[in-house]
C-alpha atoms as a PDB file:
ATOM      1  CA  MET A   1     166.557 184.094 114.151  1.00  0.00           C
ATOM      2  CA  GLY A   2     164.600 186.287 111.703  1.00  0.00           C
ATOM      3  CA  THR A   3     161.626 188.487 112.479  1.00  0.00           C
ATOM      4  CA  ALA A   4     158.505 186.812 113.955  1.00  0.00           C
ATOM      5  CA  LEU A   5     155.058 188.376 113.949  1.00  0.00           C
ATOM      6  CA  ASP A   6     152.026 187.332 115.990  1.00  0.00           C
ATOM      7  CA  ILE A   7     148.540 188.799 116.533  1.00  0.00           C
ATOM      8  CA  LYS A   8     146.785 188.258 119.850  1.00  0.00           C
ATOM      9  CA  ILE A   9     143.146 189.125 120.571  1.00  0.00           C
ATOM     10  CA  LYS A  10     142.371 190.335 124.095  1.00  0.00           C
ATOM     11  CA  ARG A  11     139.074 188.444 124.419  1.00  0.00           C
ATOM     12  CA  ALA A  12     139.905 184.802 125.157  1.00  0.00           C
ATOM     13  CA  ASN A  13     136.868 183.232 123.462  1.00  0.00           C
ATOM     14  CA  LYS A  14     137.252 185.478 120.384  1.00  0.00           C
ATOM     15  CA  VAL A  15     133.471 186.038 120.261  1.00  0.00           C
ATOM     16  CA  TYR A  16     132.391 189.561 119.290  1.00  0.00           C
ATOM     17  CA  HIS A  17     129.116 191.160 118.224  1.00  0.00           C
ATOM     18  CA  CYS A  18     128.302 193.920 115.759  1.00  0.00           C
ATOM     19  CA  GLY A  19     129.119 197.346 117.199  1.00  0.00           C
ATOM     20  CA  GLU A  20     131.749 196.095 119.648  1.00  0.00           C
ATOM     21  CA  ILE A  21     135.447 196.919 119.576  1.00  0.00           C
ATOM     22  CA  LEU A  22     137.887 194.222 118.513  1.00  0.00           C
ATOM     23  CA  SER A  23     141.119 194.879 120.379  1.00  0.00           C
ATOM     24  CA  GLY A  24     144.444 193.173 120.816  1.00  0.00           C
ATOM     25  CA  VAL A  25     148.156 193.518 120.178  1.00  0.00           C
ATOM     26  CA  VAL A  26     150.537 192.831 117.337  1.00  0.00           C
ATOM     27  CA  ILE A  27     153.735 191.256 118.711  1.00  0.00           C
ATOM     28  CA  ILE A  28     156.931 191.627 116.679  1.00  0.00           C
ATOM     29  CA  THR A  29     160.032 189.782 117.845  1.00  0.00           C
ATOM     30  CA  SER A  30     163.425 190.308 116.232  1.00  0.00           C
ATOM     31  CA  LYS A  31     167.021 189.679 117.139  1.00  0.00           C
ATOM     32  CA  ASP A  32     168.171 192.850 115.385  1.00  0.00           C
ATOM     33  CA  THR A  33     166.816 196.328 114.701  1.00  0.00           C
ATOM     34  CA  VAL A  34     164.219 196.225 111.897  1.00  0.00           C
ATOM     35  CA  GLN A  35     163.832 198.987 109.294  1.00  0.00           C
ATOM     36  CA  HIS A  36     160.251 199.213 107.980  1.00  0.00           C
ATOM     37  CA  GLN A  37     158.085 201.336 105.674  1.00  0.00           C
ATOM     38  CA  GLY A  38     155.165 201.458 108.058  1.00  0.00           C
ATOM     39  CA  ILE A  39     152.962 198.860 109.752  1.00  0.00           C
ATOM     40  CA  SER A  40     149.255 198.586 109.035  1.00  0.00           C
ATOM     41  CA  LEU A  41     146.616 196.020 109.990  1.00  0.00           C
ATOM     42  CA  THR A  42     143.680 194.975 107.815  1.00  0.00           C
ATOM     43  CA  MET A  43     140.537 193.236 109.020  1.00  0.00           C
ATOM     44  CA  GLU A  44     138.446 191.501 106.368  1.00  0.00           C
ATOM     45  CA  GLY A  45     135.231 189.511 106.709  1.00  0.00           C
ATOM     46  CA  LEU A  46     134.100 187.230 103.879  1.00  0.00           C
ATOM     47  CA  VAL A  47     131.304 184.832 103.033  1.00  0.00           C
ATOM     48  CA  ASN A  48     132.745 181.985 100.966  1.00  0.00           C
ATOM     49  CA  LEU A  49     130.427 179.719  98.985  1.00  0.00           C
ATOM     50  CA  GLN A  50     131.533 176.439  97.482  1.00  0.00           C
ATOM     51  CA  LEU A  51     129.797 173.428  95.992  1.00  0.00           C
ATOM     52  CA  SER A  52     130.275 169.841  97.041  1.00  0.00           C
ATOM     53  CA  ALA A  53     132.153 167.601  94.629  1.00  0.00           C
ATOM     54  CA  LYS A  54     128.936 165.979  93.422  1.00  0.00           C
ATOM     55  CA  SER A  55     127.456 169.351  92.408  1.00  0.00           C
ATOM     56  CA  VAL A  56     130.377 170.940  90.559  1.00  0.00           C
ATOM     57  CA  GLY A  57     129.631 169.250  87.253  1.00  0.00           C
ATOM     58  CA  VAL A  58     125.936 170.052  87.490  1.00  0.00           C
ATOM     59  CA  PHE A  59     126.400 173.755  88.169  1.00  0.00           C
ATOM     60  CA  GLU A  60     129.742 174.477  86.527  1.00  0.00           C
ATOM     61  CA  ALA A  61     128.648 177.980  85.449  1.00  0.00           C
ATOM     62  CA  PHE A  62     127.493 178.763  88.961  1.00  0.00           C
ATOM     63  CA  TYR A  63     130.657 177.340  90.491  1.00  0.00           C
ATOM     64  CA  ASN A  64     132.803 179.623  88.348  1.00  0.00           C
ATOM     65  CA  SER A  65     130.657 182.707  88.969  1.00  0.00           C
ATOM     66  CA  VAL A  66     130.539 182.530  92.763  1.00  0.00           C
ATOM     67  CA  LYS A  67     132.834 185.053  94.381  1.00  0.00           C
ATOM     68  CA  PRO A  68     133.449 185.714  98.069  1.00  0.00           C
ATOM     69  CA  ILE A  69     130.997 188.260  99.522  1.00  0.00           C
ATOM     70  CA  GLN A  70     132.880 190.914 101.474  1.00  0.00           C
ATOM     71  CA  ILE A  71     131.022 192.182 104.538  1.00  0.00           C
ATOM     72  CA  ILE A  72     133.848 193.887 106.458  1.00  0.00           C
ATOM     73  CA  ASN A  73     137.003 195.599 105.247  1.00  0.00           C
ATOM     74  CA  SER A  74     138.924 197.958 107.465  1.00  0.00           C
ATOM     75  CA  THR A  75     142.586 199.023 107.596  1.00  0.00           C
ATOM     76  CA  ILE A  76     144.381 200.999 110.287  1.00  0.00           C
ATOM     77  CA  GLU A  77     147.900 202.424 110.313  1.00  0.00           C
ATOM     78  CA  MET A  78     149.631 201.237 113.442  1.00  0.00           C
ATOM     79  CA  VAL A  79     153.168 202.600 113.074  1.00  0.00           C
ATOM     80  CA  LYS A  80     154.612 205.136 110.637  1.00  0.00           C
ATOM     81  CA  PRO A  81     157.823 204.313 108.688  1.00  0.00           C
ATOM     82  CA  GLY A  82     160.853 203.948 110.925  1.00  0.00           C
ATOM     83  CA  LYS A  83     162.715 201.325 112.929  1.00  0.00           C
ATOM     84  CA  LEU A  84     161.741 198.703 115.470  1.00  0.00           C
ATOM     85  CA  PRO A  85     164.237 197.905 118.220  1.00  0.00           C
ATOM     86  CA  SER A  86     165.607 194.421 118.737  1.00  0.00           C
ATOM     87  CA  GLY A  87     163.709 192.179 121.082  1.00  0.00           C
ATOM     88  CA  LYS A  88     159.945 192.082 121.582  1.00  0.00           C
ATOM     89  CA  THR A  89     157.696 194.966 120.516  1.00  0.00           C
ATOM     90  CA  GLU A  90     153.946 195.028 121.306  1.00  0.00           C
ATOM     91  CA  ILE A  91     151.685 197.363 119.315  1.00  0.00           C
ATOM     92  CA  PRO A  92     148.054 197.625 120.528  1.00  0.00           C
ATOM     93  CA  PHE A  93     145.156 198.007 118.093  1.00  0.00           C
ATOM     94  CA  GLU A  94     141.377 198.509 118.080  1.00  0.00           C
ATOM     95  CA  PHE A  95     138.859 197.806 115.306  1.00  0.00           C
ATOM     96  CA  PRO A  96     135.180 198.830 115.498  1.00  0.00           C
ATOM     97  CA  LEU A  97     132.998 196.003 114.155  1.00  0.00           C
ATOM     98  CA  HIS A  98     130.742 197.786 111.679  1.00  0.00           C
ATOM     99  CA  MET A  99     129.229 196.314 108.543  1.00  0.00           C
ATOM    100  CA  LYS A 100     130.282 197.479 105.100  1.00  0.00           C
ATOM    101  CA  GLY A 101     127.575 199.552 103.370  1.00  0.00           C
ATOM    102  CA  ASN A 102     124.211 197.792 103.637  1.00  0.00           C
ATOM    103  CA  LYS A 103     125.801 194.387 104.292  1.00  0.00           C
ATOM    104  CA  VAL A 104     124.809 192.350 107.350  1.00  0.00           C
ATOM    105  CA  LEU A 105     127.464 191.299 109.841  1.00  0.00           C
ATOM    106  CA  TYR A 106     126.862 187.563 110.036  1.00  0.00           C
ATOM    107  CA  GLU A 107     128.083 185.313 112.802  1.00  0.00           C
ATOM    108  CA  THR A 108     131.283 183.404 112.054  1.00  0.00           C
ATOM    109  CA  TYR A 109     130.375 179.893 110.958  1.00  0.00           C
ATOM    110  CA  HIS A 110     132.123 177.073 109.112  1.00  0.00           C
ATOM    111  CA  GLY A 111     130.000 174.484 107.385  1.00  0.00           C
ATOM    112  CA  VAL A 112     130.847 171.880 104.803  1.00  0.00           C
ATOM    113  CA  PHE A 113     129.696 173.867 101.772  1.00  0.00           C
ATOM    114  CA  VAL A 114     129.097 177.352 103.194  1.00  0.00           C
ATOM    115  CA  ASN A 115     131.594 179.334 105.247  1.00  0.00           C
ATOM    116  CA  ILE A 116     129.900 182.494 106.502  1.00  0.00           C
ATOM    117  CA  GLN A 117     129.962 185.106 109.147  1.00  0.00           C
ATOM    118  CA  SER A 118     124.097 185.286 111.737  1.00  0.00           C
ATOM    119  CA  GLN A 119     122.468 188.116 113.244  1.00  0.00           C
ATOM    120  CA  LYS A 120     120.447 188.406 116.436  1.00  0.00           C
ATOM    121  CA  GLY A 121     116.705 188.211 116.150  1.00  0.00           C
ATOM    122  CA  LYS A 122     113.403 187.743 117.945  1.00  0.00           C
ATOM    123  CA  LEU A 123     111.778 184.372 118.414  1.00  0.00           C
ATOM    124  CA  MET A 124     108.278 183.159 119.241  1.00  0.00           C
ATOM    125  CA  PRO A 125     107.821 179.659 120.745  1.00  0.00           C
ATOM    126  CA  SER A 126     106.326 177.155 118.333  1.00  0.00           C
ATOM    127  CA  PRO A 127     105.422 173.893 120.132  1.00  0.00           C
ATOM    128  CA  VAL A 128     104.701 170.839 118.003  1.00  0.00           C
ATOM    129  CA  ASP A 129     102.674 167.739 118.872  1.00  0.00           C
ATOM    130  CA  PHE A 130     103.237 164.704 116.664  1.00  0.00           C
ATOM    131  CA  THR A 131     101.793 161.254 116.060  1.00  0.00           C
ATOM    132  CA  ILE A 132     103.700 158.623 114.062  1.00  0.00           C
ATOM    133  CA  THR A 133     101.903 155.618 112.575  1.00  0.00           C
ATOM    134  CA  PRO A 134     102.412 153.573 109.376  1.00  0.00           C
ATOM    135  CA  GLU A 135      99.779 155.808 107.745  1.00  0.00           C
ATOM    136  CA  THR A 136     101.621 159.063 108.518  1.00  0.00           C
ATOM    137  CA  LEU A 137     104.971 157.959 107.059  1.00  0.00           C
ATOM    138  CA  GLN A 138     106.023 159.376 103.706  1.00  0.00           C
ATOM    139  CA  ASN A 139     108.011 157.746 100.892  1.00  0.00           C
ATOM    140  CA  VAL A 140     106.929 154.233 101.903  1.00  0.00           C
ATOM    141  CA  LYS A 141     106.756 151.695  99.046  1.00  0.00           C
ATOM    142  CA  GLU A 142     105.192 148.724 100.841  1.00  0.00           C
ATOM    143  CA  ARG A 143     103.099 150.214 103.623  1.00  0.00           C
ATOM    144  CA  ALA A 144     101.192 146.964 104.163  1.00  0.00           C
ATOM    145  CA  SER A 145     104.371 145.148 105.184  1.00  0.00           C
ATOM    146  CA  LEU A 146     105.090 147.561 108.036  1.00  0.00           C
ATOM    147  CA  PRO A 147     104.368 146.380 111.586  1.00  0.00           C
ATOM    148  CA  LYS A 148     101.663 148.295 113.408  1.00  0.00           C
ATOM    149  CA  PHE A 149     102.877 151.010 115.788  1.00  0.00           C
ATOM    150  CA  LEU A 150     101.705 154.218 117.429  1.00  0.00           C
ATOM    151  CA  ILE A 151     104.182 156.806 118.689  1.00  0.00           C
ATOM    152  CA  ARG A 152     103.124 160.128 120.147  1.00  0.00           C
ATOM    153  CA  GLY A 153     105.112 163.050 121.475  1.00  0.00           C
ATOM    154  CA  HIS A 154     105.819 166.731 121.402  1.00  0.00           C
ATOM    155  CA  LEU A 155     108.657 169.209 120.946  1.00  0.00           C
ATOM    156  CA  SER A 156     108.596 172.247 123.216  1.00  0.00           C
ATOM    157  CA  SER A 157     109.338 174.482 120.223  1.00  0.00           C
ATOM    158  CA  THR A 158     110.731 174.220 116.700  1.00  0.00           C
ATOM    159  CA  ASN A 159     111.780 177.881 117.028  1.00  0.00           C
ATOM    160  CA  CYS A 160     114.845 177.411 119.182  1.00  0.00           C
ATOM    161  CA  ILE A 161     117.307 179.673 120.973  1.00  0.00           C
ATOM    162  CA  ILE A 162     120.669 178.301 119.907  1.00  0.00           C
ATOM    163  CA  THR A 163     122.142 178.484 123.429  1.00  0.00           C
ATOM    164  CA  GLN A 164     119.242 176.515 124.940  1.00  0.00           C
ATOM    165  CA  PRO A 165     118.452 172.808 124.446  1.00  0.00           C
ATOM    166  CA  LEU A 166     115.757 171.335 122.247  1.00  0.00           C
ATOM    167  CA  THR A 167     113.346 169.582 124.626  1.00  0.00           C
ATOM    168  CA  GLY A 168     110.216 167.475 124.522  1.00  0.00           C
ATOM    169  CA  GLU A 169     109.150 163.882 125.052  1.00  0.00           C
ATOM    170  CA  LEU A 170     108.197 160.782 123.107  1.00  0.00           C
ATOM    171  CA  VAL A 171     105.880 157.904 124.066  1.00  0.00           C
ATOM    172  CA  VAL A 172     105.680 154.524 122.329  1.00  0.00           C
ATOM    173  CA  GLU A 173     101.993 153.741 122.858  1.00  0.00           C
ATOM    174  CA  ASN A 174     102.172 150.378 121.089  1.00  0.00           C
ATOM    175  CA  ALA A 175     104.337 148.522 118.581  1.00  0.00           C
ATOM    176  CA  GLU A 176     104.007 145.021 117.157  1.00  0.00           C
ATOM    177  CA  ALA A 177     107.769 144.770 116.662  1.00  0.00           C
ATOM    178  CA  ALA A 178     110.247 145.291 119.472  1.00  0.00           C
ATOM    179  CA  VAL A 179     112.022 148.648 119.553  1.00  0.00           C
ATOM    180  CA  LYS A 180     115.787 148.426 119.151  1.00  0.00           C
ATOM    181  CA  SER A 181     116.797 152.081 119.476  1.00  0.00           C
ATOM    182  CA  ILE A 182     115.445 155.647 119.392  1.00  0.00           C
ATOM    183  CA  GLU A 183     117.730 158.466 118.238  1.00  0.00           C
ATOM    184  CA  LEU A 184     117.703 162.218 117.636  1.00  0.00           C
ATOM    185  CA  GLN A 185     119.515 163.246 114.462  1.00  0.00           C
ATOM    186  CA  LEU A 186     120.422 166.897 113.928  1.00  0.00           C
ATOM    187  CA  VAL A 187     120.878 167.791 110.259  1.00  0.00           C
ATOM    188  CA  ARG A 188     122.323 170.959 108.730  1.00  0.00           C
ATOM    189  CA  VAL A 189     121.021 171.883 105.275  1.00  0.00           C
ATOM    190  CA  GLU A 190     123.221 174.220 103.216  1.00  0.00           C
ATOM    191  CA  THR A 191     121.898 175.700  99.991  1.00  0.00           C
ATOM    192  CA  CYS A 192     123.872 177.983  97.700  1.00  0.00           C
ATOM    193  CA  GLY A 193     123.318 179.197  94.174  1.00  0.00           C
ATOM    194  CA  CYS A 194     122.382 181.989  91.802  1.00  0.00           C
ATOM    195  CA  ALA A 195     120.472 182.415  88.535  1.00  0.00           C
ATOM    196  CA  GLU A 196     122.248 179.415  86.994  1.00  0.00           C
ATOM    197  CA  GLY A 197     120.931 177.028  89.638  1.00  0.00           C
ATOM    198  CA  TYR A 198     121.042 175.935  93.255  1.00  0.00           C
ATOM    199  CA  ALA A 199     122.817 173.140  95.094  1.00  0.00           C
ATOM    200  CA  ARG A 200     121.414 171.706  98.334  1.00  0.00           C
ATOM    201  CA  ASP A 201     123.402 169.483 100.676  1.00  0.00           C
ATOM    202  CA  ALA A 202     122.326 167.961 103.995  1.00  0.00           C
ATOM    203  CA  THR A 203     124.890 166.906 106.615  1.00  0.00           C
ATOM    204  CA  GLU A 204     124.310 165.051 109.862  1.00  0.00           C
ATOM    205  CA  ILE A 205     126.093 167.044 112.561  1.00  0.00           C
ATOM    206  CA  GLN A 206     124.905 165.275 115.714  1.00  0.00           C
ATOM    207  CA  ASN A 207     123.249 162.005 116.663  1.00  0.00           C
ATOM    208  CA  ILE A 208     122.017 161.257 120.189  1.00  0.00           C
ATOM    209  CA  GLN A 209     120.493 157.990 121.346  1.00  0.00           C
ATOM    210  CA  ILE A 210     117.623 158.711 123.732  1.00  0.00           C
ATOM    211  CA  ALA A 211     116.473 155.110 124.235  1.00  0.00           C
ATOM    212  CA  ASP A 212     118.184 151.725 123.943  1.00  0.00           C
ATOM    213  CA  GLY A 213     116.195 148.502 123.711  1.00  0.00           C
ATOM    214  CA  ASP A 214     112.476 147.772 123.748  1.00  0.00           C
ATOM    215  CA  VAL A 215     111.146 150.715 125.752  1.00  0.00           C
ATOM    216  CA  CYS A 216     108.143 150.269 128.024  1.00  0.00           C
ATOM    217  CA  ARG A 217     104.873 151.101 126.318  1.00  0.00           C
ATOM    218  CA  GLY A 218     103.274 154.298 127.567  1.00  0.00           C
ATOM    219  CA  LEU A 219     106.486 155.484 129.268  1.00  0.00           C
ATOM    220  CA  PRO A 220     107.519 159.075 128.370  1.00  0.00           C
ATOM    221  CA  VAL A 221     111.063 159.221 126.955  1.00  0.00           C
ATOM    222  CA  PRO A 222     112.657 162.671 127.429  1.00  0.00           C
ATOM    223  CA  ILE A 223     113.927 164.535 124.358  1.00  0.00           C
ATOM    224  CA  TYR A 224     116.911 166.726 125.201  1.00  0.00           C
ATOM    225  CA  MET A 225     119.472 167.965 122.697  1.00  0.00           C
ATOM    226  CA  VAL A 226     122.088 170.676 123.157  1.00  0.00           C
ATOM    227  CA  PHE A 227     123.034 172.383 119.881  1.00  0.00           C
ATOM    228  CA  PRO A 228     126.760 171.892 119.168  1.00  0.00           C
ATOM    229  CA  ARG A 229     128.456 175.303 119.196  1.00  0.00           C
ATOM    230  CA  LEU A 230     130.963 174.610 116.430  1.00  0.00           C
ATOM    231  CA  PHE A 231     128.508 173.110 113.949  1.00  0.00           C
ATOM    232  CA  THR A 232     125.424 175.310 114.272  1.00  0.00           C
ATOM    233  CA  CYS A 233     124.564 178.960 113.717  1.00  0.00           C
ATOM    234  CA  PRO A 234     121.299 180.901 113.643  1.00  0.00           C
ATOM    235  CA  THR A 235     119.104 179.953 110.687  1.00  0.00           C
ATOM    236  CA  LEU A 236     120.110 182.178 107.803  1.00  0.00           C
ATOM    237  CA  GLU A 237     118.615 182.983 104.411  1.00  0.00           C
ATOM    238  CA  THR A 238     120.143 185.416 101.917  1.00  0.00           C
ATOM    239  CA  THR A 239     120.004 185.929  98.155  1.00  0.00           C
ATOM    240  CA  ASN A 240     122.875 183.529  97.440  1.00  0.00           C
ATOM    241  CA  PHE A 241     122.828 181.028 100.274  1.00  0.00           C
ATOM    242  CA  LYS A 242     120.793 179.504 103.087  1.00  0.00           C
ATOM    243  CA  VAL A 243     121.778 177.617 106.228  1.00  0.00           C
ATOM    244  CA  GLU A 244     118.908 175.680 107.781  1.00  0.00           C
ATOM    245  CA  PHE A 245     118.537 172.948 110.390  1.00  0.00           C
ATOM    246  CA  GLU A 246     116.275 169.946 110.862  1.00  0.00           C
ATOM    247  CA  VAL A 247     115.869 167.286 113.536  1.00  0.00           C
ATOM    248  CA  ASN A 248     114.907 163.697 112.759  1.00  0.00           C
ATOM    249  CA  ILE A 249     113.363 161.337 115.290  1.00  0.00           C
ATOM    250  CA  VAL A 250     114.617 157.915 114.243  1.00  0.00           C
ATOM    251  CA  VAL A 251     113.071 154.704 115.640  1.00  0.00           C
ATOM    252  CA  LEU A 252     114.805 151.435 114.741  1.00  0.00           C
ATOM    253  CA  LEU A 253     112.795 148.234 115.176  1.00  0.00           C
ATOM    254  CA  HIS A 254     114.284 144.768 115.695  1.00  0.00           C
ATOM    255  CA  ASP A 255     113.016 143.633 112.293  1.00  0.00           C
ATOM    256  CA  ASP A 256     115.277 146.364 110.805  1.00  0.00           C
ATOM    257  CA  HIS A 257     112.410 148.682 109.920  1.00  0.00           C
ATOM    258  CA  LEU A 258     113.559 152.303 110.237  1.00  0.00           C
ATOM    259  CA  ILE A 259     110.975 154.936 111.170  1.00  0.00           C
ATOM    260  CA  THR A 260     111.944 158.573 110.625  1.00  0.00           C
ATOM    261  CA  GLU A 261     109.981 161.750 111.351  1.00  0.00           C
ATOM    262  CA  ASN A 262     111.423 165.092 110.217  1.00  0.00           C
ATOM    263  CA  PHE A 263     110.958 168.505 111.871  1.00  0.00           C
ATOM    264  CA  PRO A 264     112.414 171.725 110.392  1.00  0.00           C
ATOM    265  CA  LEU A 265     113.952 173.974 113.055  1.00  0.00           C
ATOM    266  CA  LYS A 266     114.561 177.689 113.178  1.00  0.00           C
ATOM    267  CA  LEU A 267     117.574 178.633 115.298  1.00  0.00           C
ATOM    268  CA  CYS A 268     118.073 182.118 116.676  1.00  0.00           C
ATOM    269  CA  ARG A 269     120.513 183.803 119.038  1.00  0.00           C
ATOM    270  CA  MET A 270     118.925 186.125 121.576  1.00  0.00           C
END
C-alpha cells in the first residue's frame, strides 16, 4: 500500500458562514515512514462562469474571456519538513473564512451555467394578489379562441426567505373548459456575460402539482412550495453574473389550453 491522504471537516453538514472558523483534520495513512518537505493546506474559493452549448457560438469572445473569480485564497503550513511515522497520522487545521480584498463571500451554489459561492440580507414582505383571465395573458396569438375563465389568488410574498416555504392560495372562480391540472413551476434564471454580450438561460428546478382534475369552483387551493436546498440560493446580482428565480402558476385545461402566470421571486437567507 502507498500513502493515502484524506481531509475531513469537523462540521457534518459542511455549512459555514463568513467570519466562522473552518476546522478539520488531514489524515495521512502509510505503511512505511514517509520523508516529506513540509505539508501545507490551501483553501480556495472560486466563482466559475460558463455558457450553455447553445450560447458558445454566439458569444465566443465572451466565452474565451471569462476567467474564474477568486474570492478566497488562504494557505497554512501544517507540518515543517521531516518524517511521518508509519500508520495513521492526523493533523488538525483551522481556516478563518474571510473574503479576499473587497470581494464578497458568496454562498456555495452549483447551477447549470453558473457555479458560485450568496450573502445574508434583509427582506421586506411583498404580498401579491393576482387575477388571470384571457385578457390578462401575454403572448397569445388567438385570444378569441380561448375559453372563458377567471382565476384569482394571492402569494403571501414574492420576497422569500429561502428556508421558509412560498405560500398563498388560488381560486378558480369560473372556467368554461374543465381543469385538468394546476402546477407550481420553480424556475432558475442564470445570466452571465461582460462587455461582449450576455447569455441568459432558464432552467426548471422543481414542479409541484397542487390540484388534479376539475377543481370545484370557488374552492381555495393552497399554494405551498418548499425551496429545494441543492438547487436554490439567495438571489444574486454582480457585475458578471446574476442568479434569479421565478415561479409559474400553470393551469392545464382539458382542451389542452395551457395557462401560465409568471412571478419573479427574490430569495434571501436571514
